[in-house]
Amino acid sequence: MAKNKMKEWLLKASKEEALKLAKLAGTSLGVLRQIGGGYRTKGRASTTPETARALELAAKKLHLPELPRGELCQACGKCEYYRGAKK
């Protein structure tokens, strides 16, 4: 089973760091927690590609561990362009 990088990061991050990431990505701490819990990555209330991209870019901007959009969004993980770019 693949590791959930959002969950790993949330366990190490302070609430202030998590809020900063959420704000920069244009989302909420609740959404980050849902992604970390797997509720938005495996088909239920799926994370949108836009949110996944925003989180990936926000993590880079804040110099945080990588949060790959393909692990945050089911559609991104299946995208041939995303998979090709990761090679």
C-alpha atoms as a PDB file:
ATOM      1  CA  MET A   1       0.000   0.000   0.000  1.00  0.00           C
ATOM      2  CA  ALA A   2       1.311   3.441  -0.905  1.00  0.00           C
ATOM      3  CA  LYS A   3       2.124   5.795   1.902  1.00  0.00           C
ATOM      4  CA  ASN A   4      -0.105   8.799   2.392  1.00  0.00           C
ATOM      5  CA  LYS A   5       2.358  11.695   2.267  1.00  0.00           C
ATOM      6  CA  MET A   6      -0.238  14.182   3.471  1.00  0.00           C
ATOM      7  CA  LYS A   7      -0.904  12.091   6.571  1.00  0.00           C
ATOM      8  CA  GLU A   8       2.826  11.722   7.250  1.00  0.00           C
ATOM      9  CA  TRP A   9       3.326  15.466   6.892  1.00  0.00           C
ATOM     10  CA  LEU A  10       0.318  16.396   9.051  1.00  0.00           C
ATOM     11  CA  LEU A  11       1.577  14.183  11.871  1.00  0.00           C
ATOM     12  CA  LYS A  12       4.871  16.130  11.930  1.00  0.00           C
ATOM     13  CA  ALA A  13       3.575  19.630  11.171  1.00  0.00           C
ATOM     14  CA  SER A  14       2.346  22.167  13.669  1.00  0.00           C
ATOM     15  CA  LYS A  15      -1.190  23.486  13.321  1.00  0.00           C
ATOM     16  CA  GLU A  16       0.259  26.825  12.193  1.00  0.00           C
ATOM     17  CA  GLU A  17       2.278  25.135   9.432  1.00  0.00           C
ATOM     18  CA  ALA A  18      -0.790  23.208   8.271  1.00  0.00           C
ATOM     19  CA  LEU A  19      -2.891  26.374   8.242  1.00  0.00           C
ATOM     20  CA  LYS A  20      -0.195  28.160   6.240  1.00  0.00           C
ATOM     21  CA  LEU A  21      -0.151  25.371   3.635  1.00  0.00           C
ATOM     22  CA  ALA A  22      -3.943  25.333   3.430  1.00  0.00           C
ATOM     23  CA  LYS A  23      -4.159  29.106   3.034  1.00  0.00           C
ATOM     24  CA  LEU A  24      -1.472  29.244   0.347  1.00  0.00           C
ATOM     25  CA  ALA A  25      -3.218  26.421  -1.548  1.00  0.00           C
ATOM     26  CA  GLY A  26      -6.606  28.113  -1.232  1.00  0.00           C
ATOM     27  CA  THR A  27      -8.184  25.353   0.831  1.00  0.00           C
ATOM     28  CA  SER A  28      -8.859  24.547   4.487  1.00  0.00           C
ATOM     29  CA  LEU A  29      -7.253  22.575   7.276  1.00  0.00           C
ATOM     30  CA  GLY A  30     -10.298  20.285   7.188  1.00  0.00           C
ATOM     31  CA  VAL A  31      -9.580  19.352   3.566  1.00  0.00           C
ATOM     32  CA  LEU A  32      -5.932  18.626   4.430  1.00  0.00           C
ATOM     33  CA  ARG A  33      -7.098  16.327   7.211  1.00  0.00           C
ATOM     34  CA  GLN A  34      -9.577  14.586   4.893  1.00  0.00           C
ATOM     35  CA  ILE A  35      -6.796  13.964   2.370  1.00  0.00           C
ATOM     36  CA  GLY A  36      -4.526  12.732   5.167  1.00  0.00           C
ATOM     37  CA  GLY A  37      -7.230  10.371   6.370  1.00  0.00           C
ATOM     38  CA  GLY A  38      -7.734   8.986   2.872  1.00  0.00           C
ATOM     39  CA  TYR A  39     -11.265  10.357   2.547  1.00  0.00           C
ATOM     40  CA  ARG A  40     -10.446  12.466  -0.519  1.00  0.00           C
ATOM     41  CA  THR A  41      -7.971  10.230  -2.299  1.00  0.00           C
ATOM     42  CA  LYS A  42      -9.641   6.867  -2.834  1.00  0.00           C
ATOM     43  CA  GLY A  43     -12.871   7.822  -4.544  1.00  0.00           C
ATOM     44  CA  ARG A  44     -15.222   9.123  -1.862  1.00  0.00           C
ATOM     45  CA  ALA A  45     -15.222  12.941  -1.988  1.00  0.00           C
ATOM     46  CA  SER A  46     -12.333  12.999  -4.425  1.00  0.00           C
ATOM     47  CA  THR A  47      -9.768  15.788  -4.318  1.00  0.00           C
ATOM     48  CA  THR A  48      -9.954  17.870  -7.481  1.00  0.00           C
ATOM     49  CA  PRO A  49      -6.944  18.108  -9.772  1.00  0.00           C
ATOM     50  CA  GLU A  50      -6.894  21.864  -9.109  1.00  0.00           C
ATOM     51  CA  THR A  51      -6.656  21.368  -5.336  1.00  0.00           C
ATOM     52  CA  ALA A  52      -3.999  18.680  -5.734  1.00  0.00           C
ATOM     53  CA  ARG A  53      -1.932  20.969  -7.976  1.00  0.00           C
ATOM     54  CA  ALA A  54      -2.339  23.900  -5.596  1.00  0.00           C
ATOM     55  CA  LEU A  55      -1.184  21.770  -2.647  1.00  0.00           C
ATOM     56  CA  GLU A  56       1.798  20.409  -4.584  1.00  0.00           C
ATOM     57  CA  LEU A  57       2.897  23.926  -5.590  1.00  0.00           C
ATOM     58  CA  ALA A  58       2.246  25.398  -2.121  1.00  0.00           C
ATOM     59  CA  ALA A  59       4.372  22.670  -0.510  1.00  0.00           C
ATOM     60  CA  LYS A  60       7.226  23.491  -2.897  1.00  0.00           C
ATOM     61  CA  LYS A  61       6.906  27.213  -2.217  1.00  0.00           C
ATOM     62  CA  LEU A  62       7.032  26.616   1.552  1.00  0.00           C
ATOM     63  CA  HIS A  63       9.987  24.195   1.143  1.00  0.00           C
ATOM     64  CA  LEU A  64       7.982  21.318   2.618  1.00  0.00           C
ATOM     65  CA  PRO A  65       8.358  17.634   1.803  1.00  0.00           C
ATOM     66  CA  GLU A  66       6.965  16.746  -1.619  1.00  0.00           C
ATOM     67  CA  LEU A  67       3.189  16.330  -1.803  1.00  0.00           C
ATOM     68  CA  PRO A  68       2.787  14.810  -5.279  1.00  0.00           C
ATOM     69  CA  ARG A  69      -0.547  15.606  -6.929  1.00  0.00           C
ATOM     70  CA  GLY A  70      -0.763  12.033  -8.218  1.00  0.00           C
ATOM     71  CA  GLU A  71      -1.047  10.805  -4.640  1.00  0.00           C
ATOM     72  CA  LEU A  72      -3.499  13.534  -3.645  1.00  0.00           C
ATOM     73  CA  CYS A  73      -5.928  13.145  -6.540  1.00  0.00           C
ATOM     74  CA  GLN A  74      -7.156   9.925  -8.091  1.00  0.00           C
ATOM     75  CA  ALA A  75      -7.590  11.561 -11.517  1.00  0.00           C
ATOM     76  CA  CYS A  76      -4.038  12.976 -11.463  1.00  0.00           C
ATOM     77  CA  GLY A  77      -2.634   9.581 -10.508  1.00  0.00           C
ATOM     78  CA  LYS A  78      -4.247   8.051 -13.596  1.00  0.00           C
ATOM     79  CA  CYS A  79      -3.296  10.863 -15.985  1.00  0.00           C
ATOM     80  CA  GLU A  80      -0.875   9.769 -18.715  1.00  0.00           C
ATOM     81  CA  TYR A  81       0.742  13.221 -18.758  1.00  0.00           C
ATOM     82  CA  TYR A  82       1.383  13.199 -15.005  1.00  0.00           C
ATOM     83  CA  ARG A  83       2.772   9.661 -15.093  1.00  0.00           C
ATOM     84  CA  GLY A  84       4.978  10.550 -18.068  1.00  0.00           C
ATOM     85  CA  ALA A  85       6.338  13.635 -16.310  1.00  0.00           C
ATOM     86  CA  LYS A  86       7.266  11.581 -13.230  1.00  0.00           C
ATOM     87  CA  LYS A  87       9.603   9.303 -15.278  1.00  0.00           C
END
